[in-house]
């Protein structure tokens, strides 16, 4: 009888793990889809609504503005309402605001819808990874989180494919179809979330230990329940001892500055200029709508493969070599795009075959290098480079400055290109990528092979690893 019960429990846990993974993938697709959708749809809604370049840019940038606000405030519902309820509200918000932007009739109405959609996305960036990490069984957790990241790239590819499918339709409604399609994954997601339980960790945070134990038995029937709950109590107590203010005091001020600069660097290399304005860039080279959309889908598929390769080798090669290589190869790709635009004079009619090949190859190399060596690795760094009670604050700082730089790029890319030429803009991005190489070389800790609790010693020792082994749990200041 016990054997039958254990078999049933394991089968139930397996079903729940699949549901968590599917739910995370659906939300990842939503996030990635919108990341590219507005830029791709711009070639349709711009003429239909009679928008200027500045207005079209603002529509694309409206979501990052909302995301920044959502990320800042996202921990409030995540911690107070719970992971499940917040993720459910995120799904409802996606449905409402995706359909609202598809129904927009002028510039102000689409801006309001997209800012609110961005806010929902920002909350999802806080709530969803936590919900996945805490809901998935330990053995499946990494796979579920990887699935969420990969789904984001698939969402980008999907946005370009949908744009290709509606390209022949009338411009008065083809872009509305593109925006409305984003609601479909959220519609499928909502009933899935309702079937999932609240996470055991959140229930422990609220002192509801009996319910937490019941959820643990549902999700991980083979673990030592008492030991797992004791570990959660200790981790929750440790995290409660941290505060954002501690990040701006020694010895972790250096870590906070490092996170700020890294957050800026990973966006100021122009990666989201490729994502948001990839279609416009290729049209400037002389390609038509379908060609531009199809090539962007292909380029992002190569980026998808690069993410998979990075995940296979990041633990083998180390964080610093991959990050330095990523910035280096990205700089080469950006210089290739700059050379293509410079030699053609930036006029779509002036691009010959070799200049088009050079520009496409540069864009492909730049995006693949970012996804392989920068985009994923930096978030692993954020989770490894600080002690547990400050880890979430370090990731928040990194995300905030990443979003700030994203807003700058998306809001001003086309305007700056018109003012100084796109060749010069790409050159500026390449110089920033070179600065990224130098910054990582001199200031980043290599966390490969080191225990996460050991990394604090790097910051406590003024940005250098101690020469002598330090006893576990010791503080450098106590040993002086």
Foldseek 3Di string as FASTA:
>chain_A
DVVVVVVVLVVLLVVQQVLLLLLLLLLLLLQLQLLQQLLLLCVQVCVLQVHDPLLSLLLNLLLLLLLLLLQVCLVVCCQPVALLVLSLVLLVLLQVLLLQLLPDDHSVSNSVSNSSNSSSNNSCVVRSLVQLQQQADPVCSVVSVLSSNLSSLVSLLVSLVLSLVLVPPHSNRSSSVSSNVSSVSSVVSNVSSVPGDGGLLSCVVVVNNVVSLVSCCNNPVPDDSVVVSVVSVVLSVLLVVDDLVVCCDPLNVLLLVLLLLLLLLLPLLPLSCCSSNQLVLLVLLPDDSNVSSVLSSVLSVLLSVLLVVLVVCCLPPFQLVLQLQLLQQLLVLLLLLLVLCVVQVSGNVSHDDVSSVSNSSSSSSNSNSSSNRPDPSVLVCLQQQDASNCSVSSSSSNNSSNSVNNSVCSSCVVVVCVVPNNSVSSNSSSVSSVVSSVCSVQQNDTCRPHDSNQNNCCSLVPNHHDPDDDPPPDRPVVVD
